[in-house]
Amino acid sequence: MKRTALILPIVVIAAAVGLSSIFIVDEREKALVLQFGQIKAVREDPGLYFKVPLIQEVVRYDDRILGLDIQPLEVTPLDDRRLVVDAFARYRISDVRRFRQAVGAQGLTLAESRIDTLLQAQTREVLGSVTSSEILSQDRAGLAARIRDAGRTQAESLGVEIIDVRLKRTDLPDQNLDATFARMRAEREREAADEVARGKEAAQRVRAQADRTRVELVSDAQRQADITRGEADAKRNAVFAEAYGADPEFFDFYRSLSAYRASLNSGNSAMVMAPDSEFFNYLKNAEPKAAAPAAAPAAPAATQ
């Protein structure tokens, strides 16, 4: 019983030591075997490996392609038109030994900070050598390739391979963007004012033309009316003259009756006239003048 009690702990300790000396490397990662901080072995192929328990440790690194969003930065192209560029990069750890020596125990945190710094510098250098029109055109893929190639050379010292760099967004700074929007708004307001002014000018022309046409039509109608009225007055005067010439006394009598009707109508003002005025001649004479004897009928013509 005592022997079993002694063997059991030894077996457990031996199993724990045996298990701690075994580690597995996945196909998605690489591993370093460290002994007191020094690199003793590099394990890049997937499989089962051994290490010295309690003395050696295993540090694993991702062997897949990793992504990094570069901090947005302002660049000044050749035409001095400042732009805010937002980019991202794809990278992978190509040399874990060099990577460990470059960044130490901080690992990806320090590595991504350095990658971000060097890509920002290359972005400023590449985009600063072209105009803003080239940056905003379809040539931006070529510019991103130049940034990638320049950053790849410097990233080799970190044990990192820059696989790709892409420009996600290229905008104006906020202050420039506000000024651009204000300029665009002012331009649209100016165009709107021009359209309104042209519309008012066209309306004024149409209104003036309509007024002119109206005046011409009214003038022509007035002229035609005056001509018609004049012709009517001429015919009326001719009728009056013919009637007056046929029987002047009857014409005077008719004109007097018309004057009596107009002047003695109810509602007219009172008239003060002398009793012997010629206006009342036809009212004072009770007896009408004797009519002229009718002409004798013509004798019938003699028959043969």
C-alpha atoms as a PDB file:
ATOM      1  CA  MET A   1       0.000   0.000   0.000  1.00  0.00           C
ATOM      2  CA  LYS A   2       2.815   2.368   0.830  1.00  0.00           C
ATOM      3  CA  ARG A   3       4.581   1.438  -2.408  1.00  0.00           C
ATOM      4  CA  THR A   4       1.447   2.272  -4.443  1.00  0.00           C
ATOM      5  CA  ALA A   5       1.171   5.599  -2.674  1.00  0.00           C
ATOM      6  CA  LEU A   6       4.743   6.446  -3.702  1.00  0.00           C
ATOM      7  CA  ILE A   7       4.490   5.213  -7.302  1.00  0.00           C
ATOM      8  CA  LEU A   8       1.298   7.084  -8.145  1.00  0.00           C
ATOM      9  CA  PRO A   9       2.745  10.590  -7.662  1.00  0.00           C
ATOM     10  CA  ILE A  10       5.857   9.611  -9.595  1.00  0.00           C
ATOM     11  CA  VAL A  11       3.716   8.400 -12.492  1.00  0.00           C
ATOM     12  CA  VAL A  12       1.648  11.601 -12.460  1.00  0.00           C
ATOM     13  CA  ILE A  13       4.773  13.757 -12.413  1.00  0.00           C
ATOM     14  CA  ALA A  14       6.374  11.727 -15.194  1.00  0.00           C
ATOM     15  CA  ALA A  15       3.188  12.044 -17.304  1.00  0.00           C
ATOM     16  CA  ALA A  16       3.061  15.781 -16.720  1.00  0.00           C
ATOM     17  CA  VAL A  17       6.706  16.147 -17.651  1.00  0.00           C
ATOM     18  CA  GLY A  18       6.216  14.001 -20.727  1.00  0.00           C
ATOM     19  CA  LEU A  19       3.160  15.996 -21.846  1.00  0.00           C
ATOM     20  CA  SER A  20       4.902  19.319 -21.254  1.00  0.00           C
ATOM     21  CA  SER A  21       7.754  18.194 -23.468  1.00  0.00           C
ATOM     22  CA  ILE A  22       5.424  17.654 -26.425  1.00  0.00           C
ATOM     23  CA  PHE A  23       3.904  20.421 -28.551  1.00  0.00           C
ATOM     24  CA  ILE A  24       2.062  20.447 -31.835  1.00  0.00           C
ATOM     25  CA  VAL A  25       2.560  22.938 -34.635  1.00  0.00           C
ATOM     26  CA  ASP A  26      -0.591  23.639 -36.628  1.00  0.00           C
ATOM     27  CA  GLU A  27      -0.485  24.177 -40.399  1.00  0.00           C
ATOM     28  CA  ARG A  28      -1.683  27.763 -39.837  1.00  0.00           C
ATOM     29  CA  GLU A  29       1.224  28.770 -37.617  1.00  0.00           C
ATOM     30  CA  LYS A  30       4.956  28.760 -37.027  1.00  0.00           C
ATOM     31  CA  ALA A  31       6.708  28.193 -33.712  1.00  0.00           C
ATOM     32  CA  LEU A  32       9.939  29.156 -31.991  1.00  0.00           C
ATOM     33  CA  VAL A  33      11.526  27.138 -29.221  1.00  0.00           C
ATOM     34  CA  LEU A  34      13.113  29.534 -26.718  1.00  0.00           C
ATOM     35  CA  GLN A  35      15.476  28.725 -23.886  1.00  0.00           C
ATOM     36  CA  PHE A  36      15.994  31.571 -21.461  1.00  0.00           C
ATOM     37  CA  GLY A  37      14.943  33.991 -24.180  1.00  0.00           C
ATOM     38  CA  GLN A  38      17.307  32.587 -26.778  1.00  0.00           C
ATOM     39  CA  ILE A  39      16.067  30.940 -29.938  1.00  0.00           C
ATOM     40  CA  LYS A  40      16.927  27.265 -29.943  1.00  0.00           C
ATOM     41  CA  ALA A  41      14.776  25.945 -32.775  1.00  0.00           C
ATOM     42  CA  VAL A  42      12.385  27.109 -35.503  1.00  0.00           C
ATOM     43  CA  ARG A  43       9.417  24.905 -36.291  1.00  0.00           C
ATOM     44  CA  GLU A  44       7.667  25.949 -39.521  1.00  0.00           C
ATOM     45  CA  ASP A  45       6.291  22.609 -40.725  1.00  0.00           C
ATOM     46  CA  PRO A  46       3.164  21.210 -39.084  1.00  0.00           C
ATOM     47  CA  GLY A  47       3.703  18.185 -36.848  1.00  0.00           C
ATOM     48  CA  LEU A  48       4.553  16.882 -33.390  1.00  0.00           C
ATOM     49  CA  TYR A  49       7.732  18.207 -31.708  1.00  0.00           C
ATOM     50  CA  PHE A  50       9.572  17.915 -28.395  1.00  0.00           C
ATOM     51  CA  LYS A  51      11.186  20.427 -26.082  1.00  0.00           C
ATOM     52  CA  VAL A  52      12.911  20.390 -22.734  1.00  0.00           C
ATOM     53  CA  PRO A  53      10.268  20.810 -20.061  1.00  0.00           C
ATOM     54  CA  LEU A  54      10.473  23.776 -17.662  1.00  0.00           C
ATOM     55  CA  ILE A  55      13.505  25.133 -19.480  1.00  0.00           C
ATOM     56  CA  GLN A  56      12.304  25.688 -22.968  1.00  0.00           C
ATOM     57  CA  GLU A  57       9.099  27.417 -24.071  1.00  0.00           C
ATOM     58  CA  VAL A  58       7.242  27.611 -27.359  1.00  0.00           C
ATOM     59  CA  VAL A  59       6.156  30.904 -28.950  1.00  0.00           C
ATOM     60  CA  ARG A  60       3.670  30.620 -31.778  1.00  0.00           C
ATOM     61  CA  TYR A  61       3.128  33.058 -34.657  1.00  0.00           C
ATOM     62  CA  ASP A  62       0.310  33.149 -37.196  1.00  0.00           C
ATOM     63  CA  ASP A  63       1.477  31.959 -40.603  1.00  0.00           C
ATOM     64  CA  ARG A  64      -1.607  33.245 -42.452  1.00  0.00           C
ATOM     65  CA  ILE A  65      -1.959  36.496 -44.361  1.00  0.00           C
ATOM     66  CA  LEU A  66      -2.794  39.281 -41.931  1.00  0.00           C
ATOM     67  CA  GLY A  67      -4.488  42.617 -42.498  1.00  0.00           C
ATOM     68  CA  LEU A  68      -3.527  46.062 -41.260  1.00  0.00           C
ATOM     69  CA  ASP A  69      -5.509  49.293 -41.620  1.00  0.00           C
ATOM     70  CA  ILE A  70      -3.073  52.137 -42.063  1.00  0.00           C
ATOM     71  CA  GLN A  71      -3.876  55.260 -40.096  1.00  0.00           C
ATOM     72  CA  PRO A  72      -5.415  57.984 -42.322  1.00  0.00           C
ATOM     73  CA  LEU A  73      -2.852  60.609 -43.244  1.00  0.00           C
ATOM     74  CA  GLU A  74      -2.700  63.875 -45.156  1.00  0.00           C
ATOM     75  CA  VAL A  75      -0.554  64.031 -48.277  1.00  0.00           C
ATOM     76  CA  THR A  76       0.336  67.008 -50.442  1.00  0.00           C
ATOM     77  CA  PRO A  77       0.562  66.160 -54.171  1.00  0.00           C
ATOM     78  CA  LEU A  78       2.472  68.242 -56.697  1.00  0.00           C
ATOM     79  CA  ASP A  79      -0.461  70.609 -57.252  1.00  0.00           C
ATOM     80  CA  ASP A  80      -0.524  71.496 -53.504  1.00  0.00           C
ATOM     81  CA  ARG A  81      -4.051  70.163 -53.110  1.00  0.00           C
ATOM     82  CA  ARG A  82      -4.033  68.365 -49.775  1.00  0.00           C
ATOM     83  CA  LEU A  83      -5.747  64.992 -49.591  1.00  0.00           C
ATOM     84  CA  VAL A  84      -6.610  62.595 -46.763  1.00  0.00           C
ATOM     85  CA  VAL A  85      -5.635  59.044 -47.754  1.00  0.00           C
ATOM     86  CA  ASP A  86      -6.939  55.916 -46.065  1.00  0.00           C
ATOM     87  CA  ALA A  87      -5.216  52.643 -47.025  1.00  0.00           C
ATOM     88  CA  PHE A  88      -4.838  49.053 -45.864  1.00  0.00           C
ATOM     89  CA  ALA A  89      -2.119  46.425 -46.231  1.00  0.00           C
ATOM     90  CA  ARG A  90      -1.881  42.636 -46.320  1.00  0.00           C
ATOM     91  CA  TYR A  91       1.245  41.017 -44.900  1.00  0.00           C
ATOM     92  CA  ARG A  92       2.557  37.773 -43.479  1.00  0.00           C
ATOM     93  CA  ILE A  93       5.442  36.758 -41.234  1.00  0.00           C
ATOM     94  CA  SER A  94       8.014  35.318 -43.603  1.00  0.00           C
ATOM     95  CA  ASP A  95      10.977  34.849 -41.210  1.00  0.00           C
ATOM     96  CA  VAL A  96       9.970  34.124 -37.613  1.00  0.00           C
ATOM     97  CA  ARG A  97      13.565  34.216 -36.338  1.00  0.00           C
ATOM     98  CA  ARG A  98      14.161  37.711 -37.736  1.00  0.00           C
ATOM     99  CA  PHE A  99      10.694  38.733 -36.639  1.00  0.00           C
ATOM    100  CA  ARG A 100      11.436  37.696 -33.060  1.00  0.00           C
ATOM    101  CA  GLN A 101      14.757  39.478 -33.083  1.00  0.00           C
ATOM    102  CA  ALA A 102      13.168  42.666 -34.457  1.00  0.00           C
ATOM    103  CA  VAL A 103      10.114  42.991 -32.242  1.00  0.00           C
ATOM    104  CA  GLY A 104      10.957  40.820 -29.232  1.00  0.00           C
ATOM    105  CA  ALA A 105       8.170  39.726 -26.935  1.00  0.00           C
ATOM    106  CA  GLN A 106       5.797  42.495 -28.091  1.00  0.00           C
ATOM    107  CA  GLY A 107       5.100  40.538 -31.262  1.00  0.00           C
ATOM    108  CA  LEU A 108       2.431  41.784 -33.650  1.00  0.00           C
ATOM    109  CA  THR A 109       1.677  44.966 -31.692  1.00  0.00           C
ATOM    110  CA  LEU A 110       5.138  46.435 -32.275  1.00  0.00           C
ATOM    111  CA  ALA A 111       5.420  44.925 -35.752  1.00  0.00           C
ATOM    112  CA  GLU A 112       2.158  46.490 -36.982  1.00  0.00           C
ATOM    113  CA  SER A 113       3.155  49.837 -35.503  1.00  0.00           C
ATOM    114  CA  ARG A 114       6.426  49.759 -37.462  1.00  0.00           C
ATOM    115  CA  ILE A 115       4.699  48.574 -40.641  1.00  0.00           C
ATOM    116  CA  ASP A 116       2.174  51.390 -40.305  1.00  0.00           C
ATOM    117  CA  THR A 117       4.967  53.936 -39.882  1.00  0.00           C
ATOM    118  CA  LEU A 118       6.985  52.792 -42.888  1.00  0.00           C
ATOM    119  CA  LEU A 119       3.906  52.521 -45.152  1.00  0.00           C
ATOM    120  CA  GLN A 120       2.780  56.011 -44.152  1.00  0.00           C
ATOM    121  CA  ALA A 121       6.227  57.324 -45.094  1.00  0.00           C
ATOM    122  CA  GLN A 122       6.143  55.525 -48.447  1.00  0.00           C
ATOM    123  CA  THR A 123       2.593  56.743 -49.096  1.00  0.00           C
ATOM    124  CA  ARG A 124       3.622  60.355 -48.535  1.00  0.00           C
ATOM    125  CA  GLU A 125       6.669  59.926 -50.755  1.00  0.00           C
ATOM    126  CA  VAL A 126       4.865  58.215 -53.647  1.00  0.00           C
ATOM    127  CA  LEU A 127       1.697  60.341 -53.616  1.00  0.00           C
ATOM    128  CA  GLY A 128       3.724  63.491 -53.143  1.00  0.00           C
ATOM    129  CA  SER A 129       5.451  62.882 -56.471  1.00  0.00           C
ATOM    130  CA  VAL A 130       2.235  62.979 -58.548  1.00  0.00           C
ATOM    131  CA  THR A 131      -0.726  65.296 -58.958  1.00  0.00           C
ATOM    132  CA  SER A 132      -4.077  64.913 -57.246  1.00  0.00           C
ATOM    133  CA  SER A 133      -5.692  64.107 -60.601  1.00  0.00           C
ATOM    134  CA  GLU A 134      -3.453  61.045 -60.966  1.00  0.00           C
ATOM    135  CA  ILE A 135      -4.293  59.953 -57.408  1.00  0.00           C
ATOM    136  CA  LEU A 136      -8.026  60.214 -58.106  1.00  0.00           C
ATOM    137  CA  SER A 137      -7.796  58.520 -61.504  1.00  0.00           C
ATOM    138  CA  GLN A 138      -7.590  54.843 -62.435  1.00  0.00           C
ATOM    139  CA  ASP A 139      -3.799  54.991 -62.028  1.00  0.00           C
ATOM    140  CA  ARG A 140      -4.164  54.720 -58.259  1.00  0.00           C
ATOM    141  CA  ALA A 141      -3.642  50.939 -58.501  1.00  0.00           C
ATOM    142  CA  GLY A 142      -0.198  51.581 -59.958  1.00  0.00           C
ATOM    143  CA  LEU A 143       0.543  54.058 -57.164  1.00  0.00           C
ATOM    144  CA  ALA A 144      -0.498  51.480 -54.564  1.00  0.00           C
ATOM    145  CA  ALA A 145       1.867  48.952 -56.200  1.00  0.00           C
ATOM    146  CA  ARG A 146       4.724  51.456 -55.920  1.00  0.00           C
ATOM    147  CA  ILE A 147       3.956  51.931 -52.215  1.00  0.00           C
ATOM    148  CA  ARG A 148       3.875  48.148 -51.730  1.00  0.00           C
ATOM    149  CA  ASP A 149       7.215  47.576 -53.482  1.00  0.00           C
ATOM    150  CA  ALA A 150       8.935  50.344 -51.544  1.00  0.00           C
ATOM    151  CA  GLY A 151       7.487  49.140 -48.227  1.00  0.00           C
ATOM    152  CA  ARG A 152       8.323  45.504 -48.972  1.00  0.00           C
ATOM    153  CA  THR A 153      12.054  46.237 -49.103  1.00  0.00           C
ATOM    154  CA  GLN A 154      12.024  47.952 -45.722  1.00  0.00           C
ATOM    155  CA  ALA A 155       9.746  45.365 -44.127  1.00  0.00           C
ATOM    156  CA  GLU A 156      12.257  42.572 -44.810  1.00  0.00           C
ATOM    157  CA  SER A 157      14.287  43.749 -41.825  1.00  0.00           C
ATOM    158  CA  LEU A 158      11.262  42.904 -39.653  1.00  0.00           C
ATOM    159  CA  GLY A 159      10.922  39.414 -41.088  1.00  0.00           C
ATOM    160  CA  VAL A 160       7.641  40.499 -42.697  1.00  0.00           C
ATOM    161  CA  GLU A 161       6.548  40.290 -46.319  1.00  0.00           C
ATOM    162  CA  ILE A 162       4.212  43.036 -47.592  1.00  0.00           C
ATOM    163  CA  ILE A 163       1.856  41.215 -49.932  1.00  0.00           C
ATOM    164  CA  ASP A 164      -0.452  44.027 -51.025  1.00  0.00           C
ATOM    165  CA  VAL A 165      -1.320  47.672 -50.368  1.00  0.00           C
ATOM    166  CA  ARG A 166      -4.577  49.289 -51.448  1.00  0.00           C
ATOM    167  CA  LEU A 167      -5.917  52.826 -51.223  1.00  0.00           C
ATOM    168  CA  LYS A 168      -9.399  52.611 -49.747  1.00  0.00           C
ATOM    169  CA  ARG A 169     -10.454  56.246 -49.699  1.00  0.00           C
ATOM    170  CA  THR A 170      -9.045  59.559 -50.878  1.00  0.00           C
ATOM    171  CA  ASP A 171     -10.858  62.663 -49.631  1.00  0.00           C
ATOM    172  CA  LEU A 172     -10.248  66.317 -49.037  1.00  0.00           C
ATOM    173  CA  PRO A 173      -9.516  67.471 -45.463  1.00  0.00           C
ATOM    174  CA  ASP A 174     -12.547  68.658 -43.502  1.00  0.00           C
ATOM    175  CA  GLN A 175     -11.692  72.345 -43.836  1.00  0.00           C
ATOM    176  CA  ASN A 176     -11.032  72.002 -47.565  1.00  0.00           C
ATOM    177  CA  LEU A 177     -14.151  69.877 -47.938  1.00  0.00           C
ATOM    178  CA  ASP A 178     -16.272  72.577 -46.290  1.00  0.00           C
ATOM    179  CA  ALA A 179     -14.716  75.219 -48.525  1.00  0.00           C
ATOM    180  CA  THR A 180     -15.332  73.050 -51.584  1.00  0.00           C
ATOM    181  CA  PHE A 181     -18.972  72.509 -50.612  1.00  0.00           C
ATOM    182  CA  ALA A 182     -19.383  76.251 -50.009  1.00  0.00           C
ATOM    183  CA  ARG A 183     -17.852  77.007 -53.403  1.00  0.00           C
ATOM    184  CA  MET A 184     -20.099  74.431 -55.091  1.00  0.00           C
ATOM    185  CA  ARG A 185     -23.143  75.867 -53.274  1.00  0.00           C
ATOM    186  CA  ALA A 186     -22.213  79.409 -54.352  1.00  0.00           C
ATOM    187  CA  GLU A 187     -21.721  78.225 -57.929  1.00  0.00           C
ATOM    188  CA  ARG A 188     -25.125  76.528 -57.979  1.00  0.00           C
ATOM    189  CA  GLU A 189     -26.755  79.614 -56.441  1.00  0.00           C
ATOM    190  CA  ARG A 190     -25.104  81.788 -59.103  1.00  0.00           C
ATOM    191  CA  GLU A 191     -26.375  79.470 -61.846  1.00  0.00           C
ATOM    192  CA  ALA A 192     -29.849  79.570 -60.302  1.00  0.00           C
ATOM    193  CA  ALA A 193     -29.732  83.383 -60.150  1.00  0.00           C
ATOM    194  CA  ASP A 194     -28.660  83.478 -63.807  1.00  0.00           C
ATOM    195  CA  GLU A 195     -31.548  81.199 -64.757  1.00  0.00           C
ATOM    196  CA  VAL A 196     -33.990  83.363 -62.799  1.00  0.00           C
ATOM    197  CA  ALA A 197     -32.607  86.511 -64.435  1.00  0.00           C
ATOM    198  CA  ARG A 198     -32.872  84.956 -67.901  1.00  0.00           C
ATOM    199  CA  GLY A 199     -36.418  83.848 -67.111  1.00  0.00           C
ATOM    200  CA  LYS A 200     -37.393  87.346 -65.979  1.00  0.00           C
ATOM    201  CA  GLU A 201     -35.801  88.815 -69.090  1.00  0.00           C
ATOM    202  CA  ALA A 202     -37.719  86.406 -71.321  1.00  0.00           C
ATOM    203  CA  ALA A 203     -40.938  87.138 -69.418  1.00  0.00           C
ATOM    204  CA  GLN A 204     -40.356  90.882 -69.821  1.00  0.00           C
ATOM    205  CA  ARG A 205     -39.822  90.435 -73.564  1.00  0.00           C
ATOM    206  CA  VAL A 206     -42.997  88.370 -73.888  1.00  0.00           C
ATOM    207  CA  ARG A 207     -44.927  90.893 -71.776  1.00  0.00           C
ATOM    208  CA  ALA A 208     -43.612  93.817 -73.833  1.00  0.00           C
ATOM    209  CA  GLN A 209     -44.457  92.028 -77.071  1.00  0.00           C
ATOM    210  CA  ALA A 210     -47.950  91.272 -75.763  1.00  0.00           C
ATOM    211  CA  ASP A 211     -48.444  94.908 -74.702  1.00  0.00           C
ATOM    212  CA  ARG A 212     -47.238  96.083 -78.100  1.00  0.00           C
ATOM    213  CA  THR A 213     -49.556  93.649 -79.878  1.00  0.00           C
ATOM    214  CA  ARG A 214     -52.449  94.779 -77.679  1.00  0.00           C
ATOM    215  CA  VAL A 215     -51.752  98.460 -78.425  1.00  0.00           C
ATOM    216  CA  GLU A 216     -51.499  97.708 -82.133  1.00  0.00           C
ATOM    217  CA  LEU A 217     -54.742  95.714 -82.104  1.00  0.00           C
ATOM    218  CA  VAL A 218     -56.573  98.377 -80.088  1.00  0.00           C
ATOM    219  CA  SER A 219     -55.219 101.140 -82.328  1.00  0.00           C
ATOM    220  CA  ASP A 220     -56.218  99.257 -85.462  1.00  0.00           C
ATOM    221  CA  ALA A 221     -59.670  98.521 -84.049  1.00  0.00           C
ATOM    222  CA  GLN A 222     -60.060 102.181 -83.029  1.00  0.00           C
ATOM    223  CA  ARG A 223     -59.009 103.263 -86.496  1.00  0.00           C
ATOM    224  CA  GLN A 224     -61.471 100.884 -88.111  1.00  0.00           C
ATOM    225  CA  ALA A 225     -64.188 102.079 -85.711  1.00  0.00           C
ATOM    226  CA  ASP A 226     -63.410 105.727 -86.458  1.00  0.00           C
ATOM    227  CA  ILE A 227     -63.557 105.011 -90.187  1.00  0.00           C
ATOM    228  CA  THR A 228     -66.868 103.191 -89.806  1.00  0.00           C
ATOM    229  CA  ARG A 229     -68.219 105.909 -87.531  1.00  0.00           C
ATOM    230  CA  GLY A 230     -67.122 108.598 -89.965  1.00  0.00           C
ATOM    231  CA  GLU A 231     -68.739 106.808 -92.874  1.00  0.00           C
ATOM    232  CA  ALA A 232     -71.944 106.395 -90.846  1.00  0.00           C
ATOM    233  CA  ASP A 233     -71.917 110.062 -89.852  1.00  0.00           C
ATOM    234  CA  ALA A 234     -71.396 111.010 -93.479  1.00  0.00           C
ATOM    235  CA  LYS A 235     -74.344 108.881 -94.556  1.00  0.00           C
ATOM    236  CA  ARG A 236     -76.464 110.291 -91.719  1.00  0.00           C
ATOM    237  CA  ASN A 237     -75.567 113.858 -92.651  1.00  0.00           C
ATOM    238  CA  ALA A 238     -76.320 113.069 -96.269  1.00  0.00           C
ATOM    239  CA  VAL A 239     -79.750 111.734 -95.265  1.00  0.00           C
ATOM    240  CA  PHE A 240     -80.385 114.782 -93.094  1.00  0.00           C
ATOM    241  CA  ALA A 241     -79.288 117.098 -95.871  1.00  0.00           C
ATOM    242  CA  GLU A 242     -81.469 115.295 -98.373  1.00  0.00           C
ATOM    243  CA  ALA A 243     -84.423 115.422 -95.985  1.00  0.00           C
ATOM    244  CA  TYR A 244     -83.808 119.095 -95.210  1.00  0.00           C
ATOM    245  CA  GLY A 245     -83.616 119.891 -98.889  1.00  0.00           C
ATOM    246  CA  ALA A 246     -86.868 118.069 -99.607  1.00  0.00           C
ATOM    247  CA  ASP A 247     -88.928 119.901 -96.896  1.00  0.00           C
ATOM    248  CA  PRO A 248     -87.002 122.454 -94.806  1.00  0.00           C
ATOM    249  CA  GLU A 249     -90.034 123.493 -92.727  1.00  0.00           C
ATOM    250  CA  PHE A 250     -90.840 119.889 -91.696  1.00  0.00           C
ATOM    251  CA  PHE A 251     -87.184 119.362 -90.859  1.00  0.00           C
ATOM    252  CA  ASP A 252     -87.203 122.423 -88.569  1.00  0.00           C
ATOM    253  CA  PHE A 253     -90.418 121.168 -86.958  1.00  0.00           C
ATOM    254  CA  TYR A 254     -88.874 117.700 -86.352  1.00  0.00           C
ATOM    255  CA  ARG A 255     -85.705 119.167 -84.868  1.00  0.00           C
ATOM    256  CA  SER A 256     -87.785 121.373 -82.546  1.00  0.00           C
ATOM    257  CA  LEU A 257     -89.828 118.423 -81.298  1.00  0.00           C
ATOM    258  CA  SER A 258     -86.585 116.493 -80.589  1.00  0.00           C
ATOM    259  CA  ALA A 259     -85.257 119.483 -78.650  1.00  0.00           C
ATOM    260  CA  TYR A 260     -88.544 119.730 -76.678  1.00  0.00           C
ATOM    261  CA  ARG A 261     -88.363 116.034 -75.810  1.00  0.00           C
ATOM    262  CA  ALA A 262     -84.748 116.293 -74.595  1.00  0.00           C
ATOM    263  CA  SER A 263     -85.171 119.528 -72.660  1.00  0.00           C
ATOM    264  CA  LEU A 264     -88.591 118.988 -71.099  1.00  0.00           C
ATOM    265  CA  ASN A 265     -87.830 115.471 -69.882  1.00  0.00           C
ATOM    266  CA  SER A 266     -88.401 114.893 -66.160  1.00  0.00           C
ATOM    267  CA  GLY A 267     -85.320 115.231 -64.046  1.00  0.00           C
ATOM    268  CA  ASN A 268     -83.651 117.896 -66.206  1.00  0.00           C
ATOM    269  CA  SER A 269     -82.612 121.224 -64.796  1.00  0.00           C
ATOM    270  CA  ALA A 270     -85.009 124.162 -64.967  1.00  0.00           C
ATOM    271  CA  MET A 271     -84.659 126.582 -67.885  1.00  0.00           C
ATOM    272  CA  VAL A 272     -85.268 130.335 -67.754  1.00  0.00           C
ATOM    273  CA  MET A 273     -86.114 131.710 -71.176  1.00  0.00           C
ATOM    274  CA  ALA A 274     -87.989 134.692 -72.571  1.00  0.00           C
ATOM    275  CA  PRO A 275     -91.576 133.984 -73.694  1.00  0.00           C
ATOM    276  CA  ASP A 276     -90.871 135.379 -77.115  1.00  0.00           C
ATOM    277  CA  SER A 277     -87.883 133.086 -77.639  1.00  0.00           C
ATOM    278  CA  GLU A 278     -87.737 131.343 -80.987  1.00  0.00           C
ATOM    279  CA  PHE A 279     -87.399 128.056 -79.070  1.00  0.00           C
ATOM    280  CA  PHE A 280     -91.188 128.056 -78.410  1.00  0.00           C
ATOM    281  CA  ASN A 281     -92.274 129.064 -81.887  1.00  0.00           C
ATOM    282  CA  TYR A 282     -93.966 125.742 -82.598  1.00  0.00           C
ATOM    283  CA  LEU A 283     -95.681 125.821 -79.192  1.00  0.00           C
ATOM    284  CA  LYS A 284     -97.125 129.295 -79.673  1.00  0.00           C
ATOM    285  CA  ASN A 285     -98.556 128.854 -83.160  1.00  0.00           C
ATOM    286  CA  ALA A 286    -101.777 126.914 -82.691  1.00  0.00           C
ATOM    287  CA  GLU A 287    -102.757 126.984 -86.305  1.00  0.00           C
ATOM    288  CA  PRO A 288    -100.445 125.291 -88.690  1.00  0.00           C
ATOM    289  CA  LYS A 289     -99.577 126.994 -91.850  1.00  0.00           C
ATOM    290  CA  ALA A 290    -101.726 126.237 -94.850  1.00  0.00           C
ATOM    291  CA  ALA A 291    -100.322 123.518 -96.877  1.00  0.00           C
ATOM    292  CA  ALA A 292     -99.475 124.267-100.441  1.00  0.00           C
ATOM    293  CA  PRO A 293    -102.139 123.211-102.901  1.00  0.00           C
ATOM    294  CA  ALA A 294    -101.514 119.884-104.385  1.00  0.00           C
ATOM    295  CA  ALA A 295    -100.451 119.830-107.971  1.00  0.00           C
ATOM    296  CA  ALA A 296    -103.184 119.010-110.437  1.00  0.00           C
ATOM    297  CA  PRO A 297    -102.991 115.569-111.877  1.00  0.00           C
ATOM    298  CA  ALA A 298    -101.533 115.391-115.269  1.00  0.00           C
ATOM    299  CA  ALA A 299    -103.914 115.043-118.108  1.00  0.00           C
ATOM    300  CA  PRO A 300    -104.072 111.663-119.709  1.00  0.00           C
ATOM    301  CA  ALA A 301    -102.195 111.352-122.870  1.00  0.00           C
ATOM    302  CA  ALA A 302    -104.208 111.411-126.072  1.00  0.00           C
ATOM    303  CA  THR A 303    -104.661 108.163-127.813  1.00  0.00           C
ATOM    304  CA  GLN A 304    -104.230 107.840-131.411  1.00  0.00           C
END
